[in-house]
Amino acid sequence: MTLTNEEIARKLRAQASELARARGNLYRVRAFRSAALAVMGLPTEVSALVAGGNASQLERVPGIGKSLADTITAVATLRR
C-alpha cells in the first residue's frame, strides 16, 4: 500500500527538520516545508499523480520543482 498525502507531508517536514538541525541550506529547508504544505493541499493523492513514476505531474504544482518532485515520487512509492 502506498503512502497517503498526509504521510508524505509528514516525511517531508521531518526531512526539513533534519536539515535545519544539521544547519543545512535554509532555502532547502523552506523548500521541503513548502512542498509538505503543497502536498497537503492537493485534491488527489500523490500516488495517483505519480503512477508509473511520472514525477512531471508534481512539477505542475506551485512550489514543487524537478528535484522535489523526484524526491516526493520516491517517498510516495515507498511501502508503509
PDB file of N, CA and C in Angstrom:
ATOM      1  N   MET A   1       0.838  -1.174   0.000  1.00  0.00           N
ATOM      2  CA  MET A   1       0.000   0.000   0.000  1.00  0.00           C
ATOM      3  C   MET A   1       0.893   1.250   0.000  1.00  0.00           C
ATOM      4  N   THR A   2       0.553   2.228  -0.825  1.00  0.00           N
ATOM      5  CA  THR A   2       1.351   3.450  -0.920  1.00  0.00           C
ATOM      6  C   THR A   2       0.991   4.415   0.211  1.00  0.00           C
ATOM      7  N   LEU A   3       1.825   5.397   0.375  1.00  0.00           N
ATOM      8  CA  LEU A   3       1.623   6.378   1.438  1.00  0.00           C
ATOM      9  C   LEU A   3       0.546   7.391   1.056  1.00  0.00           C
ATOM     10  N   THR A   4      -0.139   7.909   2.062  1.00  0.00           N
ATOM     11  CA  THR A   4      -1.133   8.961   1.832  1.00  0.00           C
ATOM     12  C   THR A   4      -0.426  10.310   1.747  1.00  0.00           C
ATOM     13  N   ASN A   5      -1.152  11.324   1.298  1.00  0.00           N
ATOM     14  CA  ASN A   5      -0.581  12.671   1.233  1.00  0.00           C
ATOM     15  C   ASN A   5      -0.136  13.148   2.609  1.00  0.00           C
ATOM     16  N   GLU A   6      -0.915  12.827   3.629  1.00  0.00           N
ATOM     17  CA  GLU A   6      -0.559  13.231   4.992  1.00  0.00           C
ATOM     18  C   GLU A   6       0.755  12.591   5.430  1.00  0.00           C
ATOM     19  N   GLU A   7       0.935  11.322   5.116  1.00  0.00           N
ATOM     20  CA  GLU A   7       2.169  10.632   5.486  1.00  0.00           C
ATOM     21  C   GLU A   7       3.365  11.181   4.709  1.00  0.00           C
ATOM     22  N   ILE A   8       3.155  11.492   3.447  1.00  0.00           N
ATOM     23  CA  ILE A   8       4.220  12.068   2.626  1.00  0.00           C
ATOM     24  C   ILE A   8       4.608  13.441   3.175  1.00  0.00           C
ATOM     25  N   ALA A   9       3.612  14.254   3.503  1.00  0.00           N
ATOM     26  CA  ALA A   9       3.883  15.591   4.063  1.00  0.00           C
ATOM     27  C   ALA A   9       4.639  15.466   5.377  1.00  0.00           C
ATOM     28  N   ARG A  10       4.279  14.492   6.193  1.00  0.00           N
ATOM     29  CA  ARG A  10       4.972  14.280   7.471  1.00  0.00           C
ATOM     30  C   ARG A  10       6.441  13.947   7.228  1.00  0.00           C
ATOM     31  N   LYS A  11       6.718  13.117   6.241  1.00  0.00           N
ATOM     32  CA  LYS A  11       8.099  12.756   5.921  1.00  0.00           C
ATOM     33  C   LYS A  11       8.874  13.965   5.382  1.00  0.00           C
ATOM     34  N   LEU A  12       8.218  14.790   4.583  1.00  0.00           N
ATOM     35  CA  LEU A  12       8.881  15.993   4.063  1.00  0.00           C
ATOM     36  C   LEU A  12       9.202  16.973   5.187  1.00  0.00           C
ATOM     37  N   ARG A  13       8.259  17.144   6.131  1.00  0.00           N
ATOM     38  CA  ARG A  13       8.517  18.021   7.278  1.00  0.00           C
ATOM     39  C   ARG A  13       9.641  17.467   8.152  1.00  0.00           C
ATOM     40  N   ALA A  14       9.700  16.155   8.297  1.00  0.00           N
ATOM     41  CA  ALA A  14      10.775  15.532   9.075  1.00  0.00           C
ATOM     42  C   ALA A  14      12.122  15.780   8.405  1.00  0.00           C
ATOM     43  N   GLN A  15      12.166  15.674   7.093  1.00  0.00           N
ATOM     44  CA  GLN A  15      13.401  15.944   6.363  1.00  0.00           C
ATOM     45  C   GLN A  15      13.810  17.408   6.523  1.00  0.00           C
ATOM     46  N   ALA A  16      12.844  18.314   6.485  1.00  0.00           N
ATOM     47  CA  ALA A  16      13.136  19.731   6.679  1.00  0.00           C
ATOM     48  C   ALA A  16      13.700  19.967   8.079  1.00  0.00           C
ATOM     49  N   SER A  17      13.121  19.335   9.069  1.00  0.00           N
ATOM     50  CA  SER A  17      13.612  19.484  10.451  1.00  0.00           C
ATOM     51  C   SER A  17      15.022  18.933  10.596  1.00  0.00           C
ATOM     52  N   GLU A  18      15.270  17.806   9.954  1.00  0.00           N
ATOM     53  CA  GLU A  18      16.600  17.205   9.999  1.00  0.00           C
ATOM     54  C   GLU A  18      17.639  18.128   9.350  1.00  0.00           C
ATOM     55  N   LEU A  19      17.278  18.696   8.219  1.00  0.00           N
ATOM     56  CA  LEU A  19      18.177  19.644   7.546  1.00  0.00           C
ATOM     57  C   LEU A  19      18.425  20.882   8.408  1.00  0.00           C
ATOM     58  N   ALA A  20      17.385  21.370   9.060  1.00  0.00           N
ATOM     59  CA  ALA A  20      17.517  22.555   9.903  1.00  0.00           C
ATOM     60  C   ALA A  20      18.430  22.266  11.095  1.00  0.00           C
ATOM     61  N   ARG A  21      18.255  21.099  11.721  1.00  0.00           N
ATOM     62  CA  ARG A  21      19.117  20.735  12.856  1.00  0.00           C
ATOM     63  C   ARG A  21      20.572  20.622  12.440  1.00  0.00           C
ATOM     64  N   ALA A  22      20.803  20.156  11.226  1.00  0.00           N
ATOM     65  CA  ALA A  22      22.158  19.999  10.714  1.00  0.00           C
ATOM     66  C   ALA A  22      22.692  21.304  10.119  1.00  0.00           C
ATOM     67  N   ARG A  23      21.909  22.376  10.304  1.00  0.00           N
ATOM     68  CA  ARG A  23      22.271  23.691   9.760  1.00  0.00           C
ATOM     69  C   ARG A  23      22.463  23.632   8.250  1.00  0.00           C
ATOM     70  N   GLY A  24      21.542  22.912   7.610  1.00  0.00           N
ATOM     71  CA  GLY A  24      21.571  22.800   6.149  1.00  0.00           C
ATOM     72  C   GLY A  24      21.124  24.094   5.492  1.00  0.00           C
ATOM     73  N   ASN A  25      21.156  24.102   4.214  1.00  0.00           N
ATOM     74  CA  ASN A  25      20.774  25.263   3.426  1.00  0.00           C
ATOM     75  C   ASN A  25      19.344  25.692   3.779  1.00  0.00           C
ATOM     76  N   LEU A  26      19.187  26.928   4.196  1.00  0.00           N
ATOM     77  CA  LEU A  26      17.891  27.444   4.624  1.00  0.00           C
ATOM     78  C   LEU A  26      16.854  27.381   3.498  1.00  0.00           C
ATOM     79  N   TYR A  27      17.277  27.630   2.283  1.00  0.00           N
ATOM     80  CA  TYR A  27      16.348  27.583   1.160  1.00  0.00           C
ATOM     81  C   TYR A  27      15.835  26.159   0.934  1.00  0.00           C
ATOM     82  N   ARG A  28      16.694  25.196   1.154  1.00  0.00           N
ATOM     83  CA  ARG A  28      16.283  23.793   1.008  1.00  0.00           C
ATOM     84  C   ARG A  28      15.298  23.408   2.115  1.00  0.00           C
ATOM     85  N   VAL A  29      15.565  23.862   3.325  1.00  0.00           N
ATOM     86  CA  VAL A  29      14.649  23.610   4.449  1.00  0.00           C
ATOM     87  C   VAL A  29      13.274  24.180   4.116  1.00  0.00           C
ATOM     88  N   ARG A  30      13.255  25.420   3.658  1.00  0.00           N
ATOM     89  CA  ARG A  30      11.992  26.065   3.290  1.00  0.00           C
ATOM     90  C   ARG A  30      11.301  25.339   2.143  1.00  0.00           C
ATOM     91  N   ALA A  31      12.082  24.849   1.182  1.00  0.00           N
ATOM     92  CA  ALA A  31      11.510  24.139   0.039  1.00  0.00           C
ATOM     93  C   ALA A  31      10.804  22.862   0.495  1.00  0.00           C
ATOM     94  N   PHE A  32      11.416  22.122   1.419  1.00  0.00           N
ATOM     95  CA  PHE A  32      10.784  20.902   1.919  1.00  0.00           C
ATOM     96  C   PHE A  32       9.510  21.233   2.692  1.00  0.00           C
ATOM     97  N   ARG A  33       9.544  22.282   3.480  1.00  0.00           N
ATOM     98  CA  ARG A  33       8.346  22.682   4.231  1.00  0.00           C
ATOM     99  C   ARG A  33       7.239  23.148   3.289  1.00  0.00           C
ATOM    100  N   SER A  34       7.612  23.895   2.268  1.00  0.00           N
ATOM    101  CA  SER A  34       6.647  24.366   1.285  1.00  0.00           C
ATOM    102  C   SER A  34       6.038  23.199   0.512  1.00  0.00           C
ATOM    103  N   ALA A  35       6.874  22.235   0.166  1.00  0.00           N
ATOM    104  CA  ALA A  35       6.384  21.058  -0.555  1.00  0.00           C
ATOM    105  C   ALA A  35       5.413  20.258   0.310  1.00  0.00           C
ATOM    106  N   ALA A  36       5.681  20.186   1.610  1.00  0.00           N
ATOM    107  CA  ALA A  36       4.770  19.473   2.518  1.00  0.00           C
ATOM    108  C   ALA A  36       3.399  20.140   2.512  1.00  0.00           C
ATOM    109  N   LEU A  37       3.382  21.455   2.548  1.00  0.00           N
ATOM    110  CA  LEU A  37       2.110  22.175   2.502  1.00  0.00           C
ATOM    111  C   LEU A  37       1.411  21.967   1.164  1.00  0.00           C
ATOM    112  N   ALA A  38       2.181  21.980   0.092  1.00  0.00           N
ATOM    113  CA  ALA A  38       1.597  21.782  -1.238  1.00  0.00           C
ATOM    114  C   ALA A  38       0.982  20.393  -1.357  1.00  0.00           C
ATOM    115  N   VAL A  39       1.664  19.386  -0.838  1.00  0.00           N
ATOM    116  CA  VAL A  39       1.142  18.016  -0.886  1.00  0.00           C
ATOM    117  C   VAL A  39      -0.157  17.917  -0.104  1.00  0.00           C
ATOM    118  N   MET A  40      -0.206  18.558   1.053  1.00  0.00           N
ATOM    119  CA  MET A  40      -1.426  18.522   1.869  1.00  0.00           C
ATOM    120  C   MET A  40      -2.592  19.214   1.166  1.00  0.00           C
ATOM    121  N   GLY A  41      -2.307  20.182   0.305  1.00  0.00           N
ATOM    122  CA  GLY A  41      -3.350  20.925  -0.385  1.00  0.00           C
ATOM    123  C   GLY A  41      -3.841  20.285  -1.670  1.00  0.00           C
ATOM    124  N   LEU A  42      -3.237  19.185  -2.063  1.00  0.00           N
ATOM    125  CA  LEU A  42      -3.647  18.542  -3.311  1.00  0.00           C
ATOM    126  C   LEU A  42      -5.009  17.871  -3.161  1.00  0.00           C
ATOM    127  N   PRO A  43      -5.852  18.011  -4.177  1.00  0.00           N
ATOM    128  CA  PRO A  43      -7.178  17.382  -4.109  1.00  0.00           C
ATOM    129  C   PRO A  43      -7.142  15.874  -4.359  1.00  0.00           C
ATOM    130  N   THR A  44      -6.048  15.387  -4.944  1.00  0.00           N
ATOM    131  CA  THR A  44      -5.904  13.956  -5.204  1.00  0.00           C
ATOM    132  C   THR A  44      -4.660  13.433  -4.510  1.00  0.00           C
ATOM    133  N   GLU A  45      -4.587  12.138  -4.367  1.00  0.00           N
ATOM    134  CA  GLU A  45      -3.429  11.512  -3.737  1.00  0.00           C
ATOM    135  C   GLU A  45      -2.210  11.608  -4.657  1.00  0.00           C
ATOM    136  N   VAL A  46      -1.061  11.846  -4.053  1.00  0.00           N
ATOM    137  CA  VAL A  46       0.185  11.914  -4.809  1.00  0.00           C
ATOM    138  C   VAL A  46       0.423  10.599  -5.548  1.00  0.00           C
ATOM    139  N   SER A  47       0.093   9.497  -4.902  1.00  0.00           N
ATOM    140  CA  SER A  47       0.319   8.189  -5.529  1.00  0.00           C
ATOM    141  C   SER A  47      -0.410   8.085  -6.873  1.00  0.00           C
ATOM    142  N   ALA A  48      -1.582   8.702  -6.988  1.00  0.00           N
ATOM    143  CA  ALA A  48      -2.321   8.695  -8.257  1.00  0.00           C
ATOM    144  C   ALA A  48      -1.636   9.588  -9.290  1.00  0.00           C
ATOM    145  N   LEU A  49      -1.058  10.690  -8.833  1.00  0.00           N
ATOM    146  CA  LEU A  49      -0.378  11.612  -9.749  1.00  0.00           C
ATOM    147  C   LEU A  49       0.906  11.021 -10.322  1.00  0.00           C
ATOM    148  N   VAL A  50       1.598  10.234  -9.522  1.00  0.00           N
ATOM    149  CA  VAL A  50       2.906   9.731  -9.942  1.00  0.00           C
ATOM    150  C   VAL A  50       2.867   8.264 -10.354  1.00  0.00           C
ATOM    151  N   ALA A  51       1.686   7.761 -10.616  1.00  0.00           N
ATOM    152  CA  ALA A  51       1.570   6.371 -11.048  1.00  0.00           C
ATOM    153  C   ALA A  51       2.493   6.133 -12.244  1.00  0.00           C
ATOM    154  N   GLY A  52       3.277   5.103 -12.153  1.00  0.00           N
ATOM    155  CA  GLY A  52       4.220   4.796 -13.223  1.00  0.00           C
ATOM    156  C   GLY A  52       5.496   5.608 -13.140  1.00  0.00           C
ATOM    157  N   GLY A  53       5.743   6.271 -11.998  1.00  0.00           N
ATOM    158  CA  GLY A  53       6.978   7.030 -11.811  1.00  0.00           C
ATOM    159  C   GLY A  53       7.032   8.335 -12.566  1.00  0.00           C
ATOM    160  N   ASN A  54       5.889   8.907 -12.912  1.00  0.00           N
ATOM    161  CA  ASN A  54       5.841  10.146 -13.681  1.00  0.00           C
ATOM    162  C   ASN A  54       5.828  11.356 -12.755  1.00  0.00           C
ATOM    163  N   ALA A  55       7.001  11.814 -12.354  1.00  0.00           N
ATOM    164  CA  ALA A  55       7.128  12.939 -11.430  1.00  0.00           C
ATOM    165  C   ALA A  55       6.737  14.269 -12.066  1.00  0.00           C
ATOM    166  N   SER A  56       6.645  14.325 -13.387  1.00  0.00           N
ATOM    167  CA  SER A  56       6.346  15.590 -14.051  1.00  0.00           C
ATOM    168  C   SER A  56       4.973  16.139 -13.660  1.00  0.00           C
ATOM    169  N   GLN A  57       4.060  15.266 -13.252  1.00  0.00           N
ATOM    170  CA  GLN A  57       2.751  15.730 -12.782  1.00  0.00           C
ATOM    171  C   GLN A  57       2.919  16.616 -11.549  1.00  0.00           C
ATOM    172  N   LEU A  58       3.833  16.263 -10.675  1.00  0.00           N
ATOM    173  CA  LEU A  58       4.069  17.053  -9.466  1.00  0.00           C
ATOM    174  C   LEU A  58       4.730  18.389  -9.767  1.00  0.00           C
ATOM    175  N   GLU A  59       5.507  18.441 -10.830  1.00  0.00           N
ATOM    176  CA  GLU A  59       6.200  19.685 -11.179  1.00  0.00           C
ATOM    177  C   GLU A  59       5.222  20.793 -11.551  1.00  0.00           C
ATOM    178  N   ARG A  60       4.002  20.433 -11.848  1.00  0.00           N
ATOM    179  CA  ARG A  60       2.976  21.425 -12.174  1.00  0.00           C
ATOM    180  C   ARG A  60       2.393  22.077 -10.927  1.00  0.00           C
ATOM    181  N   VAL A  61       2.675  21.505  -9.781  1.00  0.00           N
ATOM    182  CA  VAL A  61       2.168  22.045  -8.514  1.00  0.00           C
ATOM    183  C   VAL A  61       3.067  23.195  -8.096  1.00  0.00           C
ATOM    184  N   PRO A  62       2.495  24.375  -7.816  1.00  0.00           N
ATOM    185  CA  PRO A  62       3.317  25.515  -7.384  1.00  0.00           C
ATOM    186  C   PRO A  62       4.133  25.158  -6.136  1.00  0.00           C
ATOM    187  N   GLY A  63       5.421  25.487  -6.183  1.00  0.00           N
ATOM    188  CA  GLY A  63       6.301  25.223  -5.047  1.00  0.00           C
ATOM    189  C   GLY A  63       7.034  23.901  -5.123  1.00  0.00           C
ATOM    190  N   ILE A  64       6.769  23.122  -6.176  1.00  0.00           N
ATOM    191  CA  ILE A  64       7.452  21.841  -6.333  1.00  0.00           C
ATOM    192  C   ILE A  64       8.188  21.845  -7.669  1.00  0.00           C
ATOM    193  N   GLY A  65       9.503  21.780  -7.583  1.00  0.00           N
ATOM    194  CA  GLY A  65      10.330  21.728  -8.787  1.00  0.00           C
ATOM    195  C   GLY A  65      10.727  20.297  -9.111  1.00  0.00           C
ATOM    196  N   LYS A  66      11.605  20.140 -10.068  1.00  0.00           N
ATOM    197  CA  LYS A  66      12.003  18.808 -10.528  1.00  0.00           C
ATOM    198  C   LYS A  66      12.624  17.976  -9.419  1.00  0.00           C
ATOM    199  N   SER A  67      13.558  18.543  -8.691  1.00  0.00           N
ATOM    200  CA  SER A  67      14.243  17.782  -7.646  1.00  0.00           C
ATOM    201  C   SER A  67      13.282  17.318  -6.558  1.00  0.00           C
ATOM    202  N   LEU A  68      12.429  18.229  -6.100  1.00  0.00           N
ATOM    203  CA  LEU A  68      11.454  17.847  -5.076  1.00  0.00           C
ATOM    204  C   LEU A  68      10.422  16.872  -5.634  1.00  0.00           C
ATOM    205  N   ALA A  69      10.049  17.024  -6.878  1.00  0.00           N
ATOM    206  CA  ALA A  69       9.101  16.085  -7.490  1.00  0.00           C
ATOM    207  C   ALA A  69       9.690  14.678  -7.501  1.00  0.00           C
ATOM    208  N   ASP A  70      10.972  14.575  -7.823  1.00  0.00           N
ATOM    209  CA  ASP A  70      11.636  13.271  -7.807  1.00  0.00           C
ATOM    210  C   ASP A  70      11.679  12.699  -6.386  1.00  0.00           C
ATOM    211  N   THR A  71      11.983  13.554  -5.417  1.00  0.00           N
ATOM    212  CA  THR A  71      12.025  13.121  -4.019  1.00  0.00           C
ATOM    213  C   THR A  71      10.650  12.659  -3.553  1.00  0.00           C
ATOM    214  N   ILE A  72       9.629  13.430  -3.864  1.00  0.00           N
ATOM    215  CA  ILE A  72       8.264  13.092  -3.445  1.00  0.00           C
ATOM    216  C   ILE A  72       7.817  11.798  -4.119  1.00  0.00           C
ATOM    217  N   THR A  73       8.169  11.621  -5.378  1.00  0.00           N
ATOM    218  CA  THR A  73       7.818  10.390  -6.082  1.00  0.00           C
ATOM    219  C   THR A  73       8.451   9.188  -5.405  1.00  0.00           C
ATOM    220  N   ALA A  74       9.721   9.328  -5.029  1.00  0.00           N
ATOM    221  CA  ALA A  74      10.406   8.228  -4.341  1.00  0.00           C
ATOM    222  C   ALA A  74       9.735   7.926  -3.002  1.00  0.00           C
ATOM    223  N   VAL A  75       9.388   8.969  -2.258  1.00  0.00           N
ATOM    224  CA  VAL A  75       8.730   8.781  -0.968  1.00  0.00           C
ATOM    225  C   VAL A  75       7.349   8.176  -1.163  1.00  0.00           C
ATOM    226  N   ALA A  76       6.607   8.633  -2.162  1.00  0.00           N
ATOM    227  CA  ALA A  76       5.245   8.179  -2.384  1.00  0.00           C
ATOM    228  C   ALA A  76       5.170   6.710  -2.761  1.00  0.00           C
ATOM    229  N   THR A  77       6.215   6.197  -3.362  1.00  0.00           N
ATOM    230  CA  THR A  77       6.171   4.801  -3.794  1.00  0.00           C
ATOM    231  C   THR A  77       6.721   3.849  -2.745  1.00  0.00           C
ATOM    232  N   LEU A  78       7.150   4.379  -1.611  1.00  0.00           N
ATOM    233  CA  LEU A  78       7.606   3.512  -0.517  1.00  0.00           C
ATOM    234  C   LEU A  78       6.427   2.792   0.106  1.00  0.00           C
ATOM    235  N   ARG A  79       6.682   1.684   0.638  1.00  0.00           N
ATOM    236  CA  ARG A  79       5.650   0.935   1.348  1.00  0.00           C
ATOM    237  C   ARG A  79       5.639   1.386   2.802  1.00  0.00           C
ATOM    238  N   ARG A  80       4.490   1.281   3.417  1.00  0.00           N
ATOM    239  CA  ARG A  80       4.366   1.658   4.834  1.00  0.00           C
ATOM    240  C   ARG A  80       5.150   0.749   5.725  1.00  0.00           C
TER     241      ARG A  80
END
